[in-house]
Amino acid sequence: MGKLNHFDSDKFHEECGVFGVYSPNKVDTFSLIQFGLFALQHRGQEACGFSVLRDGFLLSHKSEGLVLDSFREISNSKCYHGNAVIGHTRYSTEGGQSKKNIQPFFGEDSHGKSIISIVHNGNLVNAKKIRKNLESKGITFISEHSDSEVILRLIQKYLHEYDNSLERAIQKTTLDIQGAYSVIVLMNNKIAAFRDPNGIRPLCYGMLNEKTYIFSSETCGIDSVGGFYIRDLFPGEMAIVDQKSIRFSLLKKKKYTRRRTCSFEYIYFSRPDSLIENINVYEVREKSGEKLYEQHPVEADVVIGVPDSGVPASIGYSKASGIPFKPILVKNKYIGRSFILPKQEIRERIVNLKLNPILDEIKGKRIVIIDDSIVRGTTSKKLVSILRKAGAREIHFRSASPPIIAPCFLGVDTPRRKDLISHNINKEKIAEILDVDSLEFLSMNSLIEILGSTNYCFGCFTGNYPVHKK
């Protein structure tokens, strides 16, 4: 799991972002993958890597740290110019933080030549069982516990059985694996991209020009390289691109596919400028704020949002209420998500280092403070303390999501159930713990209304998941 001493450990963490480009001709794959992964940096800050197809050979680079730091290590970028590339930016969940678990994973032929590479976002619920079975047949693994490598070794196994047909190998693999997966595979001068039958983790595609295809966890990745978004891959759909065309197929019979995209993508994970399933993420967050006021109006002098993901909801709350929104909490944008604080007394000051209030705008004021969610409640409590010390007369806390009562096992790093403040404590007790004058959450009915249907995974709010943990 992720480090518990991250300064933002009171948040859920997406496991990773995936990105891929295919062109029939040689292009600047080095710059394309750098821009694409940088745009997806918010989905993972611990490590990144990529594989380039150059003159029929796969070349890979992987390292710990942020995307730009990783790319600075490369002295000769022209070595990574080719006609296709896939990449991954990582926040560790399954597999932990070992360097052996950094993606992409790749497979080699008998001569040690890399012939296939894979990047994956999500978690499999039956990975341990599959891995044990493959190891019993003599298949070796490089990573310690990665379910992403399980997908790769299964594909390799079926490639041998199906005359090196990547399409058939992926189809057979998806009959074995269960869980959440958005995957991009690079092999034999072609790219394949596919999603699980519930479409839990996002994956979309677009084009850079009439021949160059782009696959990305979010549309912001496509935007970053100057491409245009076409659509999200359907749940259980596979796309294969080669020098001649792009082909789409359903991996299983249609009756077994149903859309259950993670609702937390809209609440926190995705960048606000992205579209997920053609729905504008920013609009969802702003509407959440509007709904919060409709549900729980209050008289106040100012609305503030916890940067960055709480700001759109606070703007929506202000719009609906007429209470002015002010960016009173100033964020230090240079701190980075992976700021490590080894000493307890220093860790306790981290909220002040990350967010500092404009004191004159707080003293004597009735304040509505809005965050995207409340997970452990530790950061929320410290923020309230800061506002109290600054002289706030009243503090009304609003969460732009329902109470989080269950951890996720489908590709998200979350606290244990007992550490979730809403798991077994009612709203009134939480308000007392946070020291606020009132506390309210967005209702499930409002969230469903904003998203437009129940075809989403709401597991962290209900404990009911589209895939059951093994």
Protein backbone atom coordinates (compact mmCIF):
# COMPACT_ATOMS: atom_id res chain seq x y z
CA MET A 1 0.00 0.00 0.00
CA GLY A 2 1.00 3.65 -0.25
CA LYS A 3 3.12 5.41 2.33
CA LEU A 4 1.12 6.40 5.40
CA ASN A 5 3.34 9.40 6.05
CA HIS A 6 2.46 11.18 2.81
CA PHE A 7 1.26 14.67 3.57
CA ASP A 8 -2.01 13.92 1.81
CA SER A 9 -2.57 10.48 3.39
CA ASP A 10 -6.10 11.57 4.30
CA LYS A 11 -7.15 11.05 0.67
CA PHE A 12 -7.88 8.12 -1.59
CA HIS A 13 -5.15 7.48 -4.15
CA GLU A 14 -5.67 6.26 -7.67
CA GLU A 15 -3.27 3.49 -8.53
CA CYS A 16 -2.00 4.83 -11.84
CA GLY A 17 -2.51 6.31 -15.25
CA VAL A 18 -1.86 4.61 -18.60
CA PHE A 19 -1.06 6.19 -21.96
CA GLY A 20 -0.20 4.91 -25.42
CA VAL A 21 0.40 6.17 -28.96
CA TYR A 22 0.56 4.27 -32.25
CA SER A 23 1.58 5.61 -35.65
CA PRO A 24 2.45 3.68 -38.83
CA ASN A 25 5.40 6.06 -39.21
CA LYS A 26 8.22 7.11 -36.90
CA VAL A 27 7.24 10.02 -34.64
CA ASP A 28 8.68 11.77 -31.58
CA THR A 29 7.45 9.10 -29.19
CA PHE A 30 9.79 10.43 -26.48
CA SER A 31 7.99 13.78 -26.29
CA LEU A 32 4.53 12.28 -26.76
CA ILE A 33 4.88 9.86 -23.85
CA GLN A 34 6.51 12.52 -21.67
CA PHE A 35 3.62 14.95 -22.24
CA GLY A 36 0.99 12.23 -21.86
CA LEU A 37 2.36 10.87 -18.58
CA PHE A 38 2.91 14.37 -17.21
CA ALA A 39 -0.78 15.13 -17.85
CA LEU A 40 -1.66 11.97 -15.87
CA GLN A 41 0.79 12.67 -13.04
CA HIS A 42 -2.08 13.22 -10.58
CA ARG A 43 -2.96 9.52 -10.89
CA GLY A 44 0.42 8.38 -9.58
CA GLN A 45 3.52 10.10 -8.25
CA GLU A 46 5.80 7.32 -7.05
CA ALA A 47 7.20 5.96 -10.31
CA CYS A 48 6.77 5.94 -14.06
CA GLY A 49 7.97 4.07 -17.10
CA PHE A 50 7.47 3.54 -20.82
CA SER A 51 8.24 1.17 -23.69
CA VAL A 52 8.95 2.38 -27.23
CA LEU A 53 8.68 0.35 -30.42
CA ARG A 54 11.70 1.37 -32.52
CA ASP A 55 12.64 -0.43 -35.73
CA GLY A 56 10.91 -3.59 -34.55
CA PHE A 57 12.56 -3.57 -31.11
CA LEU A 58 11.03 -2.68 -27.74
CA LEU A 59 13.10 -0.29 -25.59
CA SER A 60 11.99 0.45 -22.02
CA HIS A 61 12.86 3.00 -19.34
CA LYS A 62 11.55 2.87 -15.75
CA SER A 63 12.40 4.78 -12.60
CA GLU A 64 11.06 6.00 -9.29
CA GLY A 65 9.89 9.56 -8.84
CA LEU A 66 7.93 12.13 -10.79
CA VAL A 67 7.59 12.07 -14.56
CA LEU A 68 9.82 15.05 -15.37
CA ASP A 69 12.54 13.83 -12.99
CA SER A 70 12.47 10.44 -14.68
CA PHE A 71 12.78 11.90 -18.17
CA ARG A 72 15.69 14.11 -17.11
CA GLU A 73 17.67 10.92 -16.49
CA ILE A 74 17.65 10.16 -20.23
CA SER A 75 20.67 11.69 -21.97
CA ASN A 76 19.83 10.67 -25.54
CA SER A 77 16.12 11.12 -26.19
CA LYS A 78 16.45 10.22 -29.89
CA CYS A 79 17.03 6.60 -28.87
CA TYR A 80 13.38 6.58 -27.84
CA HIS A 81 11.94 7.82 -31.13
CA GLY A 82 9.82 5.14 -32.79
CA ASN A 83 6.34 4.53 -34.14
CA ALA A 84 4.58 3.37 -30.96
CA VAL A 85 4.90 3.86 -27.21
CA ILE A 86 3.03 2.93 -24.02
CA GLY A 87 3.59 4.34 -20.54
CA HIS A 88 2.48 4.26 -16.94
CA THR A 89 2.56 6.56 -13.94
CA ARG A 90 2.23 4.76 -10.65
CA TYR A 91 0.88 5.02 -7.14
CA SER A 92 1.41 1.66 -5.46
CA THR A 93 -1.47 -0.48 -4.23
CA GLU A 94 -1.11 -4.19 -4.97
CA GLY A 95 2.55 -5.12 -5.21
CA GLY A 96 3.89 -2.42 -2.91
CA GLN A 97 6.69 0.01 -3.63
CA SER A 98 9.52 -2.23 -4.88
CA LYS A 99 11.32 -1.11 -8.05
CA LYS A 100 10.49 -4.54 -9.46
CA ASN A 101 6.83 -3.49 -9.55
CA ILE A 102 7.30 -0.39 -11.75
CA GLN A 103 5.51 -0.71 -15.09
CA PRO A 104 5.61 -1.40 -17.98
CA PHE A 105 6.18 -5.13 -17.59
CA PHE A 106 7.65 -6.84 -20.60
CA GLY A 107 8.19 -10.34 -21.90
CA GLU A 108 11.23 -11.64 -23.76
CA ASP A 109 11.86 -14.32 -26.34
CA SER A 110 14.44 -17.10 -25.95
CA HIS A 111 17.19 -14.71 -27.09
CA GLY A 112 16.40 -12.10 -24.41
CA LYS A 113 14.72 -9.73 -26.84
CA SER A 114 11.69 -7.84 -25.51
CA ILE A 115 8.69 -8.81 -27.65
CA ILE A 116 5.70 -7.63 -25.60
CA SER A 117 5.07 -4.83 -23.09
CA ILE A 118 2.03 -4.02 -20.94
CA VAL A 119 0.65 -1.24 -18.72
CA HIS A 120 -2.37 -1.70 -16.46
CA ASN A 121 -4.61 0.41 -14.23
CA GLY A 122 -6.75 -1.46 -11.70
CA ASN A 123 -6.68 -4.52 -9.47
CA LEU A 124 -7.53 -8.18 -10.06
CA VAL A 125 -9.41 -10.00 -7.32
CA ASN A 126 -8.11 -13.45 -8.34
CA ALA A 127 -4.49 -12.56 -9.16
CA LYS A 128 -2.92 -14.66 -6.38
CA LYS A 129 -4.75 -17.80 -7.47
CA ILE A 130 -3.77 -17.31 -11.13
CA ARG A 131 -0.18 -16.55 -10.26
CA LYS A 132 0.13 -19.67 -8.11
CA ASN A 133 -1.26 -21.75 -10.97
CA LEU A 134 1.14 -20.23 -13.52
CA GLU A 135 4.13 -20.68 -11.22
CA SER A 136 3.20 -24.34 -10.78
CA LYS A 137 3.58 -24.67 -14.56
CA GLY A 138 7.08 -23.19 -14.51
CA ILE A 139 6.24 -19.62 -15.46
CA THR A 140 8.48 -17.16 -13.61
CA PHE A 141 7.62 -13.68 -12.36
CA ILE A 142 9.84 -10.61 -11.93
CA SER A 143 7.61 -8.57 -9.62
CA GLU A 144 6.80 -9.51 -6.05
CA HIS A 145 3.01 -9.41 -6.10
CA SER A 146 1.89 -7.37 -9.12
CA ASP A 147 -1.41 -8.38 -10.67
CA SER A 148 -0.39 -6.43 -13.79
CA GLU A 149 2.36 -8.98 -14.44
CA VAL A 150 -0.23 -11.73 -14.00
CA ILE A 151 -2.11 -10.29 -17.00
CA LEU A 152 1.11 -10.18 -19.02
CA ARG A 153 2.13 -13.79 -18.24
CA LEU A 154 -1.37 -15.04 -19.08
CA ILE A 155 -1.27 -13.25 -22.44
CA GLN A 156 2.16 -14.75 -23.13
CA LYS A 157 0.89 -18.22 -22.22
CA TYR A 158 -2.03 -17.95 -24.63
CA LEU A 159 0.14 -16.45 -27.38
CA HIS A 160 1.98 -19.78 -27.45
CA GLU A 161 -1.31 -21.66 -27.60
CA TYR A 162 -2.96 -19.50 -30.28
CA ASP A 163 -0.20 -19.14 -32.86
CA ASN A 164 0.95 -15.72 -31.61
CA SER A 165 -2.48 -14.12 -32.13
CA LEU A 166 -2.58 -11.16 -29.74
CA GLU A 167 -6.32 -10.71 -30.18
CA ARG A 168 -7.13 -14.32 -29.27
CA ALA A 169 -4.62 -14.32 -26.39
CA ILE A 170 -6.26 -11.24 -24.84
CA GLN A 171 -9.74 -12.68 -25.32
CA LYS A 172 -8.70 -15.87 -23.54
CA THR A 173 -6.93 -13.94 -20.78
CA THR A 174 -10.02 -11.88 -19.99
CA LEU A 175 -12.00 -15.09 -19.46
CA ASP A 176 -9.61 -15.94 -16.61
CA ILE A 177 -9.12 -12.62 -14.85
CA GLN A 178 -11.65 -10.88 -12.61
CA GLY A 179 -11.58 -7.35 -11.24
CA ALA A 180 -10.86 -3.89 -12.57
CA TYR A 181 -8.53 -3.41 -15.50
CA SER A 182 -7.75 -0.90 -18.20
CA VAL A 183 -4.81 -2.27 -20.16
CA ILE A 184 -2.60 -1.23 -23.09
CA VAL A 185 -0.35 -3.82 -24.77
CA LEU A 186 2.44 -3.21 -27.28
CA MET A 187 3.53 -6.13 -29.47
CA ASN A 188 4.34 -7.09 -33.08
CA ASN A 189 4.05 -3.53 -34.40
CA LYS A 190 0.56 -3.13 -32.98
CA ILE A 191 -1.16 -1.75 -29.90
CA ALA A 192 -4.11 -3.35 -28.12
CA ALA A 193 -6.20 -1.57 -25.48
CA PHE A 194 -9.03 -3.13 -23.45
CA ARG A 195 -11.26 -2.61 -20.39
CA ASP A 196 -12.93 -4.97 -17.95
CA PRO A 197 -16.63 -5.89 -18.48
CA ASN A 198 -17.73 -3.31 -15.89
CA GLY A 199 -15.53 -0.49 -17.19
CA ILE A 200 -14.54 0.32 -13.60
CA ARG A 201 -11.31 2.13 -14.46
CA PRO A 202 -11.41 4.67 -17.32
CA LEU A 203 -9.79 4.35 -20.75
CA CYS A 204 -10.46 6.51 -23.80
CA TYR A 205 -9.00 6.95 -27.25
CA GLY A 206 -8.41 9.75 -29.70
CA MET A 207 -6.26 10.72 -32.66
CA LEU A 208 -3.34 13.04 -33.26
CA ASN A 209 -3.87 12.98 -37.01
CA GLU A 210 -5.63 10.67 -39.46
CA LYS A 211 -3.13 7.86 -38.83
CA THR A 212 -1.90 8.32 -35.25
CA TYR A 213 -4.02 6.84 -32.44
CA ILE A 214 -3.84 7.74 -28.75
CA PHE A 215 -5.08 5.78 -25.72
CA SER A 216 -5.27 7.43 -22.29
CA SER A 217 -6.76 7.01 -18.83
CA GLU A 218 -8.23 10.49 -19.23
CA THR A 219 -8.95 12.94 -22.03
CA CYS A 220 -6.46 15.42 -20.52
CA GLY A 221 -3.71 13.06 -21.72
CA ILE A 222 -5.00 13.28 -25.29
CA ASP A 223 -5.28 17.07 -24.99
CA SER A 224 -1.69 17.32 -23.75
CA VAL A 225 -0.25 16.09 -27.05
CA GLY A 226 -2.59 18.13 -29.23
CA GLY A 227 -4.89 15.23 -30.09
CA PHE A 228 -8.67 15.10 -30.20
CA TYR A 229 -10.86 12.82 -28.10
CA ILE A 230 -13.16 10.39 -29.92
CA ARG A 231 -14.77 8.29 -27.18
CA ASP A 232 -14.21 6.03 -24.19
CA LEU A 233 -13.74 2.34 -24.85
CA PHE A 234 -16.89 0.48 -23.88
CA PRO A 235 -16.86 -1.90 -20.91
CA GLY A 236 -15.45 -5.22 -22.12
CA GLU A 237 -14.23 -3.71 -25.41
CA MET A 238 -10.86 -4.20 -27.09
CA ALA A 239 -9.24 -1.99 -29.73
CA ILE A 240 -6.30 -3.18 -31.81
CA VAL A 241 -4.31 -0.79 -34.01
CA ASP A 242 -1.74 -1.80 -36.59
CA GLN A 243 -0.30 -0.23 -39.74
CA LYS A 244 -3.50 -0.87 -41.69
CA SER A 245 -6.42 0.00 -39.41
CA ILE A 246 -8.08 0.09 -35.99
CA ARG A 247 -10.42 -2.79 -35.08
CA PHE A 248 -12.90 -3.05 -32.23
CA SER A 249 -14.41 -6.13 -30.65
CA LEU A 250 -16.23 -7.16 -27.47
CA LEU A 251 -14.18 -9.54 -25.35
CA LYS A 252 -17.23 -11.33 -23.94
CA LYS A 253 -20.84 -11.68 -24.93
CA LYS A 254 -22.60 -8.34 -24.60
CA LYS A 255 -25.04 -9.54 -21.94
CA TYR A 256 -22.10 -9.96 -19.56
CA THR A 257 -20.95 -6.33 -19.87
CA ARG A 258 -22.40 -3.45 -17.89
CA ARG A 259 -21.02 0.00 -17.19
CA ARG A 260 -19.97 0.49 -13.56
CA THR A 261 -17.34 3.22 -13.83
CA CYS A 262 -15.87 4.32 -10.48
CA SER A 263 -17.92 7.27 -9.24
CA PHE A 264 -14.88 8.59 -7.37
CA GLU A 265 -13.29 9.42 -10.72
CA TYR A 266 -15.69 12.35 -10.87
CA ILE A 267 -15.38 13.31 -7.22
CA TYR A 268 -11.59 13.33 -6.86
CA PHE A 269 -9.34 11.16 -9.03
CA SER A 270 -9.71 12.72 -12.48
CA ARG A 271 -8.48 16.14 -13.50
CA PRO A 272 -11.34 18.67 -13.66
CA ASP A 273 -10.64 19.36 -17.34
CA SER A 274 -11.19 15.71 -18.29
CA LEU A 275 -14.23 13.96 -19.70
CA ILE A 276 -15.02 10.51 -18.29
CA GLU A 277 -17.61 8.57 -20.30
CA ASN A 278 -18.23 11.89 -22.11
CA ILE A 279 -19.27 13.57 -18.84
CA ASN A 280 -17.48 16.79 -17.85
CA VAL A 281 -15.73 16.22 -14.51
CA TYR A 282 -15.74 19.90 -13.55
CA GLU A 283 -19.49 20.19 -14.13
CA VAL A 284 -20.15 17.20 -11.86
CA ARG A 285 -18.11 18.81 -9.08
CA GLU A 286 -19.78 22.20 -9.45
CA LYS A 287 -23.25 20.62 -9.50
CA SER A 288 -22.33 18.73 -6.33
CA GLY A 289 -21.86 22.07 -4.60
CA GLU A 290 -25.18 23.34 -5.90
CA LYS A 291 -26.93 20.21 -4.63
CA LEU A 292 -25.23 20.53 -1.25
CA TYR A 293 -26.83 23.93 -0.76
CA GLU A 294 -30.23 22.66 -1.93
CA GLN A 295 -29.97 19.84 0.61
CA HIS A 296 -28.46 21.81 3.48
CA PRO A 297 -28.80 25.61 3.23
CA VAL A 298 -27.08 27.71 5.87
CA GLU A 299 -26.56 31.41 6.51
CA ALA A 300 -22.90 32.37 6.18
CA ASP A 301 -20.57 35.17 5.10
CA VAL A 302 -18.17 33.29 2.84
CA VAL A 303 -17.71 29.94 1.07
CA ILE A 304 -14.23 28.45 0.77
CA GLY A 305 -13.03 25.28 -0.92
CA VAL A 306 -10.16 22.98 0.01
CA PRO A 307 -7.76 23.23 -2.96
CA ASP A 308 -7.83 21.86 -5.50
CA SER A 309 -10.64 19.30 -5.76
CA GLY A 310 -12.96 21.06 -3.30
CA VAL A 311 -12.94 24.36 -5.19
CA PRO A 312 -15.44 23.54 -8.02
CA ALA A 313 -18.01 22.34 -5.45
CA SER A 314 -17.52 25.49 -3.38
CA ILE A 315 -18.09 27.61 -6.49
CA GLY A 316 -21.30 25.66 -7.11
CA TYR A 317 -22.39 26.16 -3.49
CA SER A 318 -21.74 29.89 -3.81
CA LYS A 319 -23.67 30.07 -7.07
CA ALA A 320 -26.72 28.36 -5.55
CA SER A 321 -26.64 30.24 -2.24
CA GLY A 322 -25.51 33.70 -3.23
CA ILE A 323 -22.85 33.52 -0.51
CA PRO A 324 -19.58 34.85 -1.99
CA PHE A 325 -16.83 32.35 -2.76
CA LYS A 326 -13.32 33.46 -1.85
CA PRO A 327 -10.03 31.55 -2.36
CA ILE A 328 -9.04 32.10 1.27
CA LEU A 329 -7.02 28.88 1.59
CA VAL A 330 -3.74 29.43 -0.24
CA LYS A 331 -2.08 26.25 -1.50
CA ASN A 332 1.67 25.84 -1.77
CA LYS A 333 1.81 24.38 -5.27
CA TYR A 334 5.48 23.41 -4.96
CA ILE A 335 5.07 20.92 -2.12
CA GLY A 336 4.33 17.89 -4.32
CA ARG A 337 2.16 14.94 -3.39
CA SER A 338 5.03 12.78 -2.15
CA PHE A 339 6.39 15.08 0.56
CA ILE A 340 7.88 12.78 3.23
CA LEU A 341 7.87 13.87 6.87
CA PRO A 342 9.79 11.50 9.15
CA LYS A 343 9.17 13.17 12.53
CA GLN A 344 5.79 13.25 14.23
CA GLU A 345 6.09 16.84 15.46
CA ILE A 346 6.83 18.01 11.91
CA ARG A 347 4.03 15.88 10.41
CA GLU A 348 1.54 17.68 12.64
CA ARG A 349 2.41 20.98 10.95
CA ILE A 350 1.94 19.70 7.41
CA VAL A 351 -1.51 21.20 6.84
CA ASN A 352 -0.08 24.67 7.48
CA LEU A 353 2.70 23.92 5.02
CA LYS A 354 0.24 22.74 2.37
CA LEU A 355 -2.59 25.24 3.02
CA ASN A 356 -2.36 28.61 4.69
CA PRO A 357 -5.38 30.88 5.28
CA ILE A 358 -5.70 34.62 4.59
CA LEU A 359 -6.40 35.62 8.19
CA ASP A 360 -8.17 38.93 7.58
CA GLU A 361 -10.81 37.16 5.46
CA ILE A 362 -11.63 34.70 8.27
CA LYS A 363 -11.74 36.63 11.54
CA GLY A 364 -15.31 37.08 12.79
CA LYS A 365 -16.82 35.39 9.70
CA ARG A 366 -19.35 32.59 9.36
CA ILE A 367 -17.62 30.16 7.01
CA VAL A 368 -18.79 27.28 4.82
CA ILE A 369 -15.81 25.05 4.00
CA ILE A 370 -16.20 22.41 1.29
CA ASP A 371 -13.97 19.44 0.51
CA ASP A 372 -14.45 16.68 -2.06
CA SER A 373 -14.75 14.03 0.66
CA ILE A 374 -13.93 13.13 4.24
CA VAL A 375 -11.82 9.97 4.55
CA ARG A 376 -10.01 9.63 7.89
CA GLY A 377 -11.01 13.11 9.00
CA THR A 378 -7.52 13.99 10.23
CA THR A 379 -6.85 16.71 7.64
CA SER A 380 -10.37 18.10 8.01
CA LYS A 381 -9.89 18.40 11.77
CA LYS A 382 -6.58 20.25 11.34
CA LEU A 383 -8.09 22.63 8.79
CA VAL A 384 -10.93 23.46 11.15
CA SER A 385 -8.40 24.09 13.91
CA ILE A 386 -6.54 26.53 11.67
CA LEU A 387 -9.77 28.40 10.90
CA ARG A 388 -10.76 28.49 14.58
CA LYS A 389 -7.37 29.93 15.54
CA ALA A 390 -7.78 32.53 12.78
CA GLY A 391 -10.96 33.73 14.49
CA ALA A 392 -13.79 32.17 12.45
CA ARG A 393 -17.11 32.79 14.25
CA GLU A 394 -18.92 29.76 12.75
CA ILE A 395 -17.65 26.84 10.65
CA HIS A 396 -20.02 24.74 8.55
CA PHE A 397 -18.31 21.77 6.88
CA ARG A 398 -19.73 20.25 3.69
CA SER A 399 -18.54 17.11 1.88
CA ALA A 400 -19.15 16.98 -1.87
CA SER A 401 -19.57 13.20 -1.67
CA PRO A 402 -21.59 10.80 0.52
CA PRO A 403 -19.98 9.34 3.68
CA ILE A 404 -17.20 6.87 2.83
CA ILE A 405 -17.89 3.67 4.75
CA ALA A 406 -15.86 0.99 2.93
CA PRO A 407 -12.35 0.60 1.48
CA CYS A 408 -11.79 -0.10 -2.21
CA PHE A 409 -9.96 -3.16 -3.58
CA LEU A 410 -10.39 -2.37 -7.29
CA GLY A 411 -7.30 -0.27 -7.99
CA VAL A 412 -7.50 2.43 -5.32
CA ASP A 413 -5.30 2.81 -2.24
CA THR A 414 -7.67 3.42 0.67
CA PRO A 415 -7.41 3.24 4.45
CA ARG A 416 -8.61 0.18 6.30
CA ARG A 417 -12.30 0.08 7.13
CA LYS A 418 -11.71 0.86 10.81
CA ASP A 419 -9.78 4.03 9.86
CA LEU A 420 -12.63 5.50 7.81
CA ILE A 421 -14.26 8.05 10.08
CA SER A 422 -17.77 7.45 8.66
CA HIS A 423 -17.56 3.66 8.94
CA ASN A 424 -19.08 3.39 12.40
CA ILE A 425 -19.53 6.99 13.61
CA ASN A 426 -22.66 9.02 12.91
CA LYS A 427 -22.69 12.52 11.42
CA GLU A 428 -23.33 14.28 14.74
CA LYS A 429 -20.36 12.58 16.41
CA ILE A 430 -18.09 13.40 13.44
CA ALA A 431 -19.15 17.07 13.68
CA GLU A 432 -18.14 16.98 17.33
CA ILE A 433 -14.77 15.40 16.51
CA LEU A 434 -14.08 17.98 13.79
CA ASP A 435 -15.27 20.83 16.06
CA VAL A 436 -17.67 22.32 13.49
CA ASP A 437 -21.01 24.04 13.95
CA SER A 438 -22.61 21.79 11.34
CA LEU A 439 -21.61 18.94 9.04
CA GLU A 440 -23.43 17.65 5.97
CA PHE A 441 -22.67 15.21 3.15
CA LEU A 442 -23.93 15.05 -0.42
CA SER A 443 -26.66 12.40 -0.48
CA MET A 444 -26.46 9.27 -2.61
CA ASN A 445 -29.65 10.31 -4.40
CA SER A 446 -28.09 13.65 -5.32
CA LEU A 447 -24.89 12.00 -6.57
CA ILE A 448 -26.92 9.61 -8.73
CA GLU A 449 -29.00 12.50 -10.06
CA ILE A 450 -25.87 14.48 -10.98
CA LEU A 451 -24.27 11.49 -12.75
CA GLY A 452 -27.54 10.70 -14.49
CA SER A 453 -27.87 7.00 -13.63
CA THR A 454 -27.03 4.22 -11.20
CA ASN A 455 -24.57 2.65 -13.67
CA TYR A 456 -21.53 3.42 -11.54
CA CYS A 457 -19.51 1.78 -8.80
CA PHE A 458 -20.56 3.33 -5.47
CA GLY A 459 -18.77 0.70 -3.40
CA CYS A 460 -16.94 3.07 -1.06
CA PHE A 461 -20.28 4.67 -0.13
CA THR A 462 -22.40 1.51 0.08
CA GLY A 463 -20.04 -1.46 0.54
CA ASN A 464 -21.54 -3.06 -2.59
CA TYR A 465 -19.09 -3.62 -5.44
CA PRO A 466 -19.59 -4.82 -9.02
CA VAL A 467 -16.85 -7.42 -8.42
CA HIS A 468 -16.55 -9.30 -5.14
CA LYS A 469 -13.23 -9.68 -3.35
CA LYS A 470 -11.91 -13.25 -3.34
